[in-house]
Amino acid sequence: MVLSDPSLVDADDAHNWRPIFHAAIGKHADVVRFLLESGADISAHDGDALHYAAEVPENTDVVSLLVSYGALDPHVRPSCDVSRQLLAAIFLRDANRVRSLLKRHPGIATCPDGRGDSPIHHAARNGDVRIVRLLIEYGAGTNENNTRGHTVLYCAGGHGHLETVRLLIHFGADPSVRFTHDGKNLAEWLAQYPDDERLVPIAELLAKMPESG
């Protein structure tokens, strides 16, 4: 179909998802490569192809493809060259590279990108426990909000990353913080999705914690 109508590579479905979003989240690296080679616009919708791909465990092949084709800048809009290198390493789950960059440039651990996310927001959203721990060691705050109000804990918990949630709480993340426009904390937000198998263990963990705030 794409061969007869090249515009289909960028066709939005009813949920404003493009073919490359579905292929990326489904770990279909061969399809992602085909779409990229067919001219798919990876900057569309704030570069969310990279956002969706990076949330999926063991999806480094797809993330690497997207980064190599230039998906990083439209998604995170790095504030400087060193920040760009750190964010690329975070999305590629390259903890050794992250560690090396932080040793040389410790200040980038807390440097927000052009969309208002700090590195720890991305690492938490991707569920990368090693990199989240490294960023905390270099001063990243576990209770930071991005410019959209999202907490680091939401970035981890809202994407189903139980072990990252445990780590953040261990280092002081406050589950009682309300971060939605209608005043929900993470447990209340999770309660909207009682049948999501990724989120149930996180909701159960939070339910066992003493209330605060």
N, C-alpha and C. Protein backbone atom coordinates (compact mmCIF):
# COMPACT_ATOMS: atom_id res chain seq x y z
N MET A 1 0.82 -1.21 0.00
CA MET A 1 0.00 0.00 0.00
C MET A 1 0.86 1.26 0.00
N VAL A 2 1.93 1.25 0.80
CA VAL A 2 2.80 2.42 0.86
C VAL A 2 3.44 2.69 -0.49
N LEU A 3 3.77 1.62 -1.20
CA LEU A 3 4.40 1.79 -2.51
C LEU A 3 3.47 2.51 -3.47
N SER A 4 2.17 2.23 -3.38
CA SER A 4 1.22 2.89 -4.29
C SER A 4 0.79 4.26 -3.78
N ASP A 5 0.89 4.48 -2.46
CA ASP A 5 0.50 5.77 -1.87
C ASP A 5 1.47 6.11 -0.74
N PRO A 6 2.61 6.75 -1.05
CA PRO A 6 3.64 7.05 -0.06
C PRO A 6 3.16 7.87 1.14
N SER A 7 2.05 8.61 0.95
CA SER A 7 1.57 9.44 2.05
C SER A 7 1.07 8.61 3.24
N LEU A 8 0.81 7.33 3.00
CA LEU A 8 0.29 6.47 4.07
C LEU A 8 1.29 6.29 5.21
N VAL A 9 2.58 6.53 4.96
CA VAL A 9 3.57 6.36 6.05
C VAL A 9 3.31 7.36 7.18
N ASP A 10 2.65 8.47 6.85
CA ASP A 10 2.38 9.49 7.86
C ASP A 10 0.88 9.65 8.14
N ALA A 11 0.11 8.65 7.84
CA ALA A 11 -1.34 8.75 8.05
C ALA A 11 -1.69 8.50 9.51
N ASP A 12 -2.42 9.44 10.12
CA ASP A 12 -2.90 9.28 11.49
C ASP A 12 -4.13 8.38 11.51
N ASP A 13 -4.22 7.53 12.54
CA ASP A 13 -5.45 6.77 12.73
C ASP A 13 -6.42 7.56 13.60
N ALA A 14 -7.48 6.94 14.05
CA ALA A 14 -8.51 7.64 14.82
C ALA A 14 -7.99 8.18 16.14
N HIS A 15 -6.87 7.64 16.62
CA HIS A 15 -6.29 8.08 17.89
C HIS A 15 -5.05 8.94 17.68
N ASN A 16 -4.86 9.44 16.45
CA ASN A 16 -3.70 10.25 16.09
C ASN A 16 -2.39 9.48 16.24
N TRP A 17 -2.47 8.18 16.06
CA TRP A 17 -1.27 7.35 16.03
C TRP A 17 -0.89 7.07 14.59
N ARG A 18 0.41 7.13 14.33
CA ARG A 18 0.91 6.87 12.98
C ARG A 18 1.46 5.45 12.90
N PRO A 19 1.63 4.92 11.69
CA PRO A 19 2.16 3.56 11.56
C PRO A 19 3.46 3.34 12.32
N ILE A 20 4.32 4.34 12.34
CA ILE A 20 5.61 4.15 13.01
C ILE A 20 5.44 4.05 14.53
N PHE A 21 4.39 4.67 15.09
CA PHE A 21 4.13 4.52 16.52
C PHE A 21 3.79 3.06 16.84
N HIS A 22 2.90 2.49 16.06
CA HIS A 22 2.49 1.10 16.29
C HIS A 22 3.67 0.15 16.11
N ALA A 23 4.45 0.38 15.07
CA ALA A 23 5.59 -0.50 14.82
C ALA A 23 6.64 -0.37 15.92
N ALA A 24 6.84 0.85 16.41
CA ALA A 24 7.85 1.08 17.44
C ALA A 24 7.46 0.43 18.76
N ILE A 25 6.22 0.60 19.17
CA ILE A 25 5.78 0.04 20.45
C ILE A 25 5.65 -1.48 20.36
N GLY A 26 5.48 -2.00 19.15
CA GLY A 26 5.39 -3.44 18.96
C GLY A 26 6.73 -4.12 18.75
N LYS A 27 7.81 -3.36 18.83
CA LYS A 27 9.18 -3.89 18.68
C LYS A 27 9.46 -4.43 17.28
N HIS A 28 8.80 -3.89 16.28
CA HIS A 28 8.98 -4.37 14.91
C HIS A 28 10.05 -3.52 14.21
N ALA A 29 11.30 -3.84 14.51
CA ALA A 29 12.41 -3.03 14.00
C ALA A 29 12.44 -3.02 12.47
N ASP A 30 12.10 -4.15 11.84
CA ASP A 30 12.13 -4.20 10.38
C ASP A 30 11.08 -3.28 9.77
N VAL A 31 9.91 -3.21 10.42
CA VAL A 31 8.86 -2.32 9.93
C VAL A 31 9.24 -0.86 10.17
N VAL A 32 9.82 -0.58 11.35
CA VAL A 32 10.27 0.78 11.64
C VAL A 32 11.29 1.23 10.59
N ARG A 33 12.25 0.35 10.29
CA ARG A 33 13.25 0.71 9.28
C ARG A 33 12.60 0.97 7.92
N PHE A 34 11.66 0.12 7.53
CA PHE A 34 10.96 0.31 6.26
C PHE A 34 10.25 1.66 6.23
N LEU A 35 9.56 2.00 7.32
CA LEU A 35 8.83 3.27 7.36
C LEU A 35 9.79 4.46 7.31
N LEU A 36 10.91 4.34 8.03
CA LEU A 36 11.90 5.42 8.00
C LEU A 36 12.48 5.58 6.60
N GLU A 37 12.79 4.46 5.97
CA GLU A 37 13.35 4.53 4.62
C GLU A 37 12.31 4.99 3.59
N SER A 38 11.04 4.88 3.97
CA SER A 38 9.95 5.33 3.09
C SER A 38 9.56 6.78 3.35
N GLY A 39 10.29 7.44 4.25
CA GLY A 39 10.08 8.87 4.46
C GLY A 39 9.21 9.26 5.62
N ALA A 40 8.95 8.35 6.56
CA ALA A 40 8.12 8.69 7.73
C ALA A 40 8.71 9.89 8.47
N ASP A 41 7.84 10.78 8.88
CA ASP A 41 8.26 12.00 9.59
C ASP A 41 8.35 11.69 11.08
N ILE A 42 9.57 11.54 11.61
CA ILE A 42 9.73 11.19 13.02
C ILE A 42 9.62 12.40 13.93
N SER A 43 9.44 13.59 13.36
CA SER A 43 9.24 14.77 14.21
C SER A 43 7.76 15.00 14.50
N ALA A 44 6.88 14.23 13.85
CA ALA A 44 5.43 14.45 14.02
C ALA A 44 5.01 14.20 15.46
N HIS A 45 4.02 14.97 15.90
CA HIS A 45 3.47 14.83 17.25
C HIS A 45 4.59 14.88 18.30
N ASP A 46 5.43 15.90 18.18
CA ASP A 46 6.54 16.10 19.14
C ASP A 46 7.50 14.92 19.19
N GLY A 47 7.64 14.22 18.09
CA GLY A 47 8.59 13.11 18.06
C GLY A 47 8.21 11.95 18.95
N ASP A 48 6.91 11.70 19.09
CA ASP A 48 6.45 10.70 20.05
C ASP A 48 6.79 9.26 19.67
N ALA A 49 7.25 9.03 18.45
CA ALA A 49 7.68 7.67 18.10
C ALA A 49 8.77 7.21 19.06
N LEU A 50 9.70 8.09 19.37
CA LEU A 50 10.78 7.76 20.31
C LEU A 50 10.23 7.58 21.72
N HIS A 51 9.31 8.43 22.10
CA HIS A 51 8.67 8.35 23.42
C HIS A 51 8.05 6.97 23.62
N TYR A 52 7.26 6.52 22.66
CA TYR A 52 6.58 5.23 22.80
C TYR A 52 7.57 4.06 22.76
N ALA A 53 8.53 4.14 21.88
CA ALA A 53 9.48 3.04 21.74
C ALA A 53 10.31 2.86 23.01
N ALA A 54 10.73 3.96 23.61
CA ALA A 54 11.64 3.88 24.75
C ALA A 54 10.96 3.34 26.00
N GLU A 55 9.64 3.45 26.09
CA GLU A 55 8.93 2.94 27.26
C GLU A 55 8.89 1.41 27.29
N VAL A 56 9.11 0.78 26.15
CA VAL A 56 8.94 -0.66 26.03
C VAL A 56 10.23 -1.37 26.43
N PRO A 57 10.19 -2.30 27.37
CA PRO A 57 11.40 -3.03 27.76
C PRO A 57 12.00 -3.79 26.58
N GLU A 58 13.32 -3.89 26.59
CA GLU A 58 14.05 -4.66 25.58
C GLU A 58 13.69 -4.24 24.16
N ASN A 59 13.66 -2.95 23.95
CA ASN A 59 13.31 -2.40 22.64
C ASN A 59 14.44 -1.54 22.09
N THR A 60 15.67 -1.87 22.48
CA THR A 60 16.81 -1.04 22.13
C THR A 60 17.04 -0.98 20.63
N ASP A 61 16.75 -2.06 19.90
CA ASP A 61 16.96 -2.04 18.45
C ASP A 61 16.12 -0.95 17.79
N VAL A 62 14.87 -0.85 18.20
CA VAL A 62 14.00 0.17 17.62
C VAL A 62 14.44 1.56 18.05
N VAL A 63 14.76 1.72 19.34
CA VAL A 63 15.20 3.03 19.82
C VAL A 63 16.48 3.47 19.11
N SER A 64 17.41 2.55 18.93
CA SER A 64 18.66 2.87 18.23
C SER A 64 18.39 3.34 16.80
N LEU A 65 17.47 2.65 16.13
CA LEU A 65 17.10 3.06 14.78
C LEU A 65 16.55 4.48 14.76
N LEU A 66 15.63 4.75 15.66
CA LEU A 66 15.01 6.07 15.71
C LEU A 66 16.03 7.16 16.01
N VAL A 67 16.90 6.90 16.98
CA VAL A 67 17.93 7.89 17.32
C VAL A 67 18.86 8.11 16.12
N SER A 68 19.24 7.03 15.45
CA SER A 68 20.16 7.16 14.31
C SER A 68 19.55 7.96 13.16
N TYR A 69 18.21 7.96 13.08
CA TYR A 69 17.53 8.72 12.03
C TYR A 69 17.14 10.13 12.50
N GLY A 70 17.57 10.51 13.70
CA GLY A 70 17.36 11.88 14.14
C GLY A 70 16.15 12.14 15.00
N ALA A 71 15.63 11.10 15.66
CA ALA A 71 14.40 11.28 16.44
C ALA A 71 14.61 12.00 17.76
N LEU A 72 15.84 12.05 18.24
CA LEU A 72 16.07 12.62 19.58
C LEU A 72 15.70 14.10 19.65
N ASP A 73 16.22 14.90 18.73
CA ASP A 73 16.04 16.35 18.82
C ASP A 73 14.57 16.79 18.78
N PRO A 74 13.75 16.28 17.86
CA PRO A 74 12.35 16.73 17.88
C PRO A 74 11.58 16.29 19.12
N HIS A 75 12.02 15.20 19.76
CA HIS A 75 11.30 14.73 20.93
C HIS A 75 11.71 15.47 22.20
N VAL A 76 13.02 15.65 22.41
CA VAL A 76 13.46 16.24 23.67
C VAL A 76 14.02 17.65 23.54
N ARG A 77 14.36 18.07 22.30
CA ARG A 77 14.89 19.42 22.07
C ARG A 77 16.02 19.75 23.05
N PRO A 78 17.14 19.04 22.95
CA PRO A 78 18.23 19.23 23.92
C PRO A 78 18.69 20.67 24.00
N SER A 79 19.09 21.07 25.20
CA SER A 79 19.47 22.46 25.44
C SER A 79 20.92 22.74 25.08
N CYS A 80 21.74 21.70 24.94
CA CYS A 80 23.14 21.88 24.56
C CYS A 80 23.68 20.55 24.05
N ASP A 81 24.88 20.57 23.49
CA ASP A 81 25.44 19.36 22.88
C ASP A 81 25.68 18.27 23.92
N VAL A 82 26.16 18.63 25.10
CA VAL A 82 26.44 17.61 26.11
C VAL A 82 25.13 17.01 26.62
N SER A 83 24.12 17.85 26.79
CA SER A 83 22.80 17.34 27.18
C SER A 83 22.27 16.38 26.13
N ARG A 84 22.48 16.70 24.85
CA ARG A 84 22.04 15.82 23.78
C ARG A 84 22.70 14.44 23.90
N GLN A 85 23.98 14.43 24.21
CA GLN A 85 24.69 13.17 24.36
C GLN A 85 24.18 12.37 25.55
N LEU A 86 23.89 13.06 26.65
CA LEU A 86 23.35 12.36 27.82
C LEU A 86 21.98 11.78 27.51
N LEU A 87 21.12 12.56 26.89
CA LEU A 87 19.78 12.08 26.61
C LEU A 87 19.80 10.92 25.62
N ALA A 88 20.70 10.97 24.65
CA ALA A 88 20.82 9.84 23.73
C ALA A 88 21.22 8.58 24.49
N ALA A 89 22.16 8.70 25.41
CA ALA A 89 22.59 7.54 26.21
C ALA A 89 21.46 7.02 27.08
N ILE A 90 20.64 7.93 27.62
CA ILE A 90 19.50 7.51 28.44
C ILE A 90 18.51 6.72 27.59
N PHE A 91 18.19 7.22 26.41
CA PHE A 91 17.22 6.50 25.57
C PHE A 91 17.78 5.17 25.07
N LEU A 92 19.09 5.10 24.90
CA LEU A 92 19.71 3.86 24.46
C LEU A 92 20.03 2.92 25.62
N ARG A 93 19.68 3.35 26.84
CA ARG A 93 19.91 2.56 28.05
C ARG A 93 21.38 2.19 28.23
N ASP A 94 22.24 3.13 27.89
CA ASP A 94 23.69 2.92 27.98
C ASP A 94 24.19 3.51 29.29
N ALA A 95 24.10 2.73 30.37
CA ALA A 95 24.44 3.23 31.70
C ALA A 95 25.91 3.61 31.80
N ASN A 96 26.80 2.89 31.11
CA ASN A 96 28.22 3.22 31.17
C ASN A 96 28.49 4.59 30.55
N ARG A 97 27.84 4.87 29.44
CA ARG A 97 28.00 6.18 28.80
C ARG A 97 27.41 7.28 29.69
N VAL A 98 26.27 7.02 30.29
CA VAL A 98 25.67 8.00 31.21
C VAL A 98 26.63 8.28 32.36
N ARG A 99 27.19 7.23 32.93
CA ARG A 99 28.12 7.41 34.05
C ARG A 99 29.33 8.25 33.65
N SER A 100 29.88 7.96 32.48
CA SER A 100 31.06 8.70 32.01
C SER A 100 30.75 10.17 31.80
N LEU A 101 29.59 10.45 31.19
CA LEU A 101 29.21 11.84 30.95
C LEU A 101 28.96 12.58 32.26
N LEU A 102 28.34 11.93 33.22
CA LEU A 102 28.07 12.58 34.50
C LEU A 102 29.35 12.86 35.27
N LYS A 103 30.33 11.98 35.16
CA LYS A 103 31.61 12.23 35.82
C LYS A 103 32.29 13.47 35.27
N ARG A 104 32.20 13.64 33.95
CA ARG A 104 32.84 14.78 33.30
C ARG A 104 32.01 16.05 33.42
N HIS A 105 30.70 15.91 33.41
CA HIS A 105 29.80 17.07 33.39
C HIS A 105 28.66 16.85 34.38
N PRO A 106 28.94 16.88 35.68
CA PRO A 106 27.91 16.53 36.67
C PRO A 106 26.66 17.40 36.62
N GLY A 107 26.79 18.62 36.16
CA GLY A 107 25.65 19.53 36.13
C GLY A 107 24.54 19.10 35.19
N ILE A 108 24.86 18.26 34.21
CA ILE A 108 23.82 17.88 33.25
C ILE A 108 22.81 16.91 33.85
N ALA A 109 23.11 16.38 35.03
CA ALA A 109 22.16 15.47 35.68
C ALA A 109 20.83 16.14 35.97
N THR A 110 20.86 17.45 36.14
CA THR A 110 19.65 18.19 36.49
C THR A 110 19.25 19.22 35.42
N CYS A 111 19.86 19.13 34.26
CA CYS A 111 19.61 20.11 33.21
C CYS A 111 18.35 19.75 32.42
N PRO A 112 17.30 20.56 32.47
CA PRO A 112 16.08 20.23 31.72
C PRO A 112 16.29 20.36 30.22
N ASP A 113 15.51 19.59 29.47
CA ASP A 113 15.57 19.71 28.03
C ASP A 113 14.63 20.82 27.55
N GLY A 114 14.51 20.94 26.26
CA GLY A 114 13.72 22.03 25.70
C GLY A 114 12.23 21.89 25.89
N ARG A 115 11.77 20.73 26.37
CA ARG A 115 10.34 20.53 26.63
C ARG A 115 10.04 20.53 28.13
N GLY A 116 11.05 20.77 28.95
CA GLY A 116 10.82 20.89 30.38
C GLY A 116 10.96 19.62 31.17
N ASP A 117 11.44 18.55 30.53
CA ASP A 117 11.74 17.31 31.25
C ASP A 117 13.19 17.32 31.70
N SER A 118 13.45 16.86 32.91
CA SER A 118 14.82 16.62 33.36
C SER A 118 15.22 15.21 32.94
N PRO A 119 16.51 14.91 32.90
CA PRO A 119 16.94 13.56 32.52
C PRO A 119 16.26 12.46 33.33
N ILE A 120 16.02 12.72 34.61
CA ILE A 120 15.41 11.67 35.44
C ILE A 120 13.97 11.38 35.03
N HIS A 121 13.27 12.35 34.47
CA HIS A 121 11.93 12.08 33.96
C HIS A 121 11.99 11.05 32.83
N HIS A 122 12.93 11.23 31.93
CA HIS A 122 13.05 10.29 30.81
C HIS A 122 13.47 8.91 31.30
N ALA A 123 14.46 8.86 32.18
CA ALA A 123 14.94 7.56 32.67
C ALA A 123 13.85 6.82 33.44
N ALA A 124 13.08 7.56 34.23
CA ALA A 124 11.97 6.94 34.98
C ALA A 124 10.88 6.46 34.04
N ARG A 125 10.56 7.24 33.04
CA ARG A 125 9.53 6.86 32.06
C ARG A 125 9.94 5.61 31.30
N ASN A 126 11.25 5.46 31.10
CA ASN A 126 11.77 4.30 30.39
C ASN A 126 11.98 3.11 31.32
N GLY A 127 11.82 3.32 32.63
CA GLY A 127 11.95 2.23 33.58
C GLY A 127 13.37 1.73 33.75
N ASP A 128 14.33 2.62 33.60
CA ASP A 128 15.73 2.21 33.68
C ASP A 128 16.27 2.47 35.08
N VAL A 129 16.25 1.43 35.91
CA VAL A 129 16.63 1.56 37.32
C VAL A 129 18.08 2.00 37.46
N ARG A 130 18.97 1.44 36.66
CA ARG A 130 20.40 1.78 36.78
C ARG A 130 20.64 3.26 36.50
N ILE A 131 20.03 3.77 35.46
CA ILE A 131 20.26 5.17 35.09
C ILE A 131 19.56 6.11 36.06
N VAL A 132 18.37 5.75 36.52
CA VAL A 132 17.71 6.57 37.53
C VAL A 132 18.60 6.68 38.77
N ARG A 133 19.17 5.57 39.20
CA ARG A 133 20.04 5.58 40.37
C ARG A 133 21.26 6.47 40.14
N LEU A 134 21.86 6.38 38.97
CA LEU A 134 23.01 7.22 38.64
C LEU A 134 22.65 8.70 38.70
N LEU A 135 21.53 9.05 38.13
CA LEU A 135 21.11 10.46 38.12
C LEU A 135 20.86 10.96 39.54
N ILE A 136 20.28 10.13 40.38
CA ILE A 136 20.07 10.50 41.78
C ILE A 136 21.41 10.72 42.47
N GLU A 137 22.37 9.86 42.19
CA GLU A 137 23.71 10.01 42.79
C GLU A 137 24.35 11.33 42.42
N TYR A 138 23.99 11.85 41.25
CA TYR A 138 24.56 13.12 40.79
C TYR A 138 23.62 14.31 41.02
N GLY A 139 22.65 14.13 41.90
CA GLY A 139 21.87 15.27 42.36
C GLY A 139 20.47 15.43 41.81
N ALA A 140 20.03 14.52 40.95
CA ALA A 140 18.67 14.64 40.42
C ALA A 140 17.65 14.42 41.53
N GLY A 141 16.62 15.24 41.56
CA GLY A 141 15.61 15.15 42.60
C GLY A 141 14.52 14.15 42.26
N THR A 142 14.09 13.40 43.26
CA THR A 142 13.05 12.39 43.02
C THR A 142 11.64 13.00 43.07
N ASN A 143 11.54 14.26 43.47
CA ASN A 143 10.21 14.90 43.52
C ASN A 143 10.10 16.05 42.52
N GLU A 144 10.92 16.02 41.48
CA GLU A 144 10.86 17.07 40.47
C GLU A 144 9.59 16.95 39.63
N ASN A 145 9.05 18.09 39.25
CA ASN A 145 7.96 18.16 38.29
C ASN A 145 8.49 18.70 36.98
N ASN A 146 7.97 18.20 35.88
CA ASN A 146 8.30 18.84 34.60
C ASN A 146 7.33 19.99 34.35
N THR A 147 7.47 20.64 33.22
CA THR A 147 6.64 21.82 32.96
C THR A 147 5.18 21.47 32.74
N ARG A 148 4.88 20.19 32.55
CA ARG A 148 3.49 19.75 32.40
C ARG A 148 2.93 19.25 33.72
N GLY A 149 3.71 19.39 34.80
CA GLY A 149 3.26 19.00 36.13
C GLY A 149 3.54 17.56 36.49
N HIS A 150 4.10 16.79 35.58
CA HIS A 150 4.33 15.37 35.83
C HIS A 150 5.48 15.16 36.81
N THR A 151 5.24 14.35 37.82
CA THR A 151 6.28 14.00 38.76
C THR A 151 7.14 12.87 38.20
N VAL A 152 8.32 12.73 38.77
CA VAL A 152 9.19 11.61 38.37
C VAL A 152 8.50 10.29 38.71
N LEU A 153 7.82 10.26 39.85
CA LEU A 153 7.13 9.03 40.27
C LEU A 153 6.02 8.67 39.29
N TYR A 154 5.29 9.65 38.81
CA TYR A 154 4.27 9.37 37.80
C TYR A 154 4.91 8.85 36.52
N CYS A 155 6.04 9.43 36.11
CA CYS A 155 6.69 8.98 34.88
C CYS A 155 7.03 7.50 34.96
N ALA A 156 7.42 7.03 36.14
CA ALA A 156 7.72 5.61 36.32
C ALA A 156 6.43 4.81 36.51
N GLY A 157 5.61 5.21 37.46
CA GLY A 157 4.42 4.44 37.81
C GLY A 157 3.37 4.45 36.73
N GLY A 158 3.21 5.56 36.05
CA GLY A 158 2.20 5.66 35.01
C GLY A 158 2.53 4.85 33.78
N HIS A 159 3.78 4.37 33.70
CA HIS A 159 4.19 3.55 32.56
C HIS A 159 4.53 2.12 32.99
N GLY A 160 4.13 1.78 34.21
CA GLY A 160 4.19 0.38 34.63
C GLY A 160 5.53 -0.13 35.12
N HIS A 161 6.39 0.76 35.60
CA HIS A 161 7.74 0.35 35.98
C HIS A 161 7.85 0.22 37.50
N LEU A 162 7.49 -0.96 38.00
CA LEU A 162 7.40 -1.20 39.44
C LEU A 162 8.73 -0.99 40.15
N GLU A 163 9.80 -1.58 39.65
CA GLU A 163 11.08 -1.48 40.35
C GLU A 163 11.61 -0.05 40.37
N THR A 164 11.32 0.70 39.34
CA THR A 164 11.72 2.11 39.34
C THR A 164 10.93 2.88 40.39
N VAL A 165 9.65 2.56 40.53
CA VAL A 165 8.83 3.19 41.57
C VAL A 165 9.42 2.87 42.95
N ARG A 166 9.76 1.62 43.18
CA ARG A 166 10.36 1.23 44.47
C ARG A 166 11.62 2.05 44.75
N LEU A 167 12.47 2.16 43.74
CA LEU A 167 13.73 2.90 43.91
C LEU A 167 13.46 4.37 44.24
N LEU A 168 12.54 4.98 43.50
CA LEU A 168 12.25 6.40 43.72
C LEU A 168 11.70 6.64 45.12
N ILE A 169 10.81 5.77 45.57
CA ILE A 169 10.26 5.92 46.92
C ILE A 169 11.35 5.73 47.96
N HIS A 170 12.25 4.78 47.72
CA HIS A 170 13.38 4.57 48.64
C HIS A 170 14.21 5.85 48.78
N PHE A 171 14.34 6.59 47.68
CA PHE A 171 15.12 7.83 47.70
C PHE A 171 14.27 9.07 47.93
N GLY A 172 13.07 8.89 48.46
CA GLY A 172 12.31 10.04 48.95
C GLY A 172 11.19 10.55 48.09
N ALA A 173 10.88 9.89 46.99
CA ALA A 173 9.75 10.34 46.17
C ALA A 173 8.46 10.23 46.98
N ASP A 174 7.63 11.26 46.91
CA ASP A 174 6.42 11.35 47.73
C ASP A 174 5.18 10.94 46.91
N PRO A 175 4.59 9.76 47.20
CA PRO A 175 3.43 9.32 46.42
C PRO A 175 2.18 10.17 46.63
N SER A 176 2.16 10.99 47.68
CA SER A 176 0.95 11.76 47.96
C SER A 176 0.86 13.03 47.12
N VAL A 177 1.91 13.38 46.40
CA VAL A 177 1.91 14.61 45.60
C VAL A 177 0.83 14.53 44.53
N ARG A 178 0.05 15.58 44.41
CA ARG A 178 -1.03 15.65 43.42
C ARG A 178 -0.49 16.36 42.17
N PHE A 179 -0.64 15.73 41.03
CA PHE A 179 0.03 16.23 39.83
C PHE A 179 -0.89 16.41 38.63
N THR A 180 -2.16 15.98 38.73
CA THR A 180 -3.06 16.12 37.59
C THR A 180 -3.87 17.42 37.73
N HIS A 181 -4.48 17.82 36.63
CA HIS A 181 -5.27 19.05 36.64
C HIS A 181 -6.45 18.95 37.60
N ASP A 182 -6.95 17.73 37.82
CA ASP A 182 -8.08 17.58 38.74
C ASP A 182 -7.64 17.09 40.12
N GLY A 183 -6.35 17.21 40.42
CA GLY A 183 -5.88 17.00 41.78
C GLY A 183 -5.66 15.56 42.22
N LYS A 184 -5.32 14.68 41.31
CA LYS A 184 -5.08 13.29 41.68
C LYS A 184 -3.60 13.07 42.04
N ASN A 185 -3.39 12.19 43.03
CA ASN A 185 -2.04 11.70 43.26
C ASN A 185 -1.86 10.42 42.45
N LEU A 186 -0.70 9.76 42.59
CA LEU A 186 -0.44 8.62 41.73
C LEU A 186 -1.41 7.47 41.98
N ALA A 187 -1.70 7.16 43.24
CA ALA A 187 -2.62 6.06 43.54
C ALA A 187 -4.00 6.34 42.94
N GLU A 188 -4.46 7.57 43.04
CA GLU A 188 -5.77 7.93 42.50
C GLU A 188 -5.77 7.87 40.98
N TRP A 189 -4.66 8.27 40.39
CA TRP A 189 -4.55 8.19 38.92
C TRP A 189 -4.57 6.73 38.48
N LEU A 190 -3.83 5.86 39.18
CA LEU A 190 -3.78 4.45 38.83
C LEU A 190 -5.15 3.77 38.97
N ALA A 191 -5.96 4.25 39.92
CA ALA A 191 -7.27 3.64 40.17
C ALA A 191 -8.20 3.75 38.97
N GLN A 192 -7.88 4.62 38.03
CA GLN A 192 -8.69 4.74 36.81
C GLN A 192 -8.49 3.56 35.87
N TYR A 193 -7.43 2.76 36.12
CA TYR A 193 -7.08 1.68 35.20
C TYR A 193 -6.93 0.36 35.97
N PRO A 194 -8.01 -0.12 36.58
CA PRO A 194 -7.94 -1.30 37.44
C PRO A 194 -7.62 -2.60 36.71
N ASP A 195 -7.78 -2.60 35.39
CA ASP A 195 -7.57 -3.83 34.63
C ASP A 195 -6.24 -3.84 33.87
N ASP A 196 -5.43 -2.82 34.06
CA ASP A 196 -4.14 -2.76 33.36
C ASP A 196 -3.11 -3.56 34.16
N GLU A 197 -2.68 -4.68 33.63
CA GLU A 197 -1.79 -5.57 34.37
C GLU A 197 -0.46 -4.94 34.70
N ARG A 198 -0.02 -3.95 33.93
CA ARG A 198 1.24 -3.28 34.23
C ARG A 198 1.13 -2.40 35.47
N LEU A 199 -0.07 -1.87 35.70
CA LEU A 199 -0.25 -0.87 36.75
C LEU A 199 -0.72 -1.45 38.08
N VAL A 200 -1.36 -2.62 38.04
CA VAL A 200 -1.91 -3.21 39.26
C VAL A 200 -0.85 -3.40 40.36
N PRO A 201 0.33 -3.96 40.05
CA PRO A 201 1.33 -4.13 41.12
C PRO A 201 1.77 -2.82 41.76
N ILE A 202 1.79 -1.76 40.97
CA ILE A 202 2.18 -0.46 41.51
C ILE A 202 1.08 0.07 42.42
N ALA A 203 -0.16 -0.07 42.00
CA ALA A 203 -1.28 0.34 42.86
C ALA A 203 -1.27 -0.43 44.17
N GLU A 204 -0.96 -1.71 44.10
CA GLU A 204 -0.92 -2.53 45.31
C GLU A 204 0.22 -2.09 46.23
N LEU A 205 1.35 -1.75 45.66
CA LEU A 205 2.47 -1.25 46.47
C LEU A 205 2.09 0.04 47.18
N LEU A 206 1.48 0.97 46.48
CA LEU A 206 1.11 2.27 47.07
C LEU A 206 0.04 2.08 48.14
N ALA A 207 -0.85 1.12 47.94
CA ALA A 207 -1.93 0.89 48.92
C ALA A 207 -1.38 0.42 50.26
N LYS A 208 -0.21 -0.19 50.26
CA LYS A 208 0.39 -0.69 51.49
C LYS A 208 1.17 0.38 52.24
N MET A 209 1.35 1.54 51.62
CA MET A 209 2.15 2.59 52.23
C MET A 209 1.29 3.46 53.14
N PRO A 210 1.89 3.96 54.22
CA PRO A 210 1.13 4.88 55.09
C PRO A 210 0.84 6.18 54.36
N GLU A 211 -0.31 6.73 54.61
CA GLU A 211 -0.68 7.99 53.96
C GLU A 211 0.14 9.13 54.54
N SER A 212 0.45 10.10 53.67
CA SER A 212 1.18 11.29 54.13
C SER A 212 0.61 12.48 53.40
N GLY A 213 1.04 13.65 53.86
CA GLY A 213 0.58 14.87 53.21
C GLY A 213 -0.89 15.07 53.35
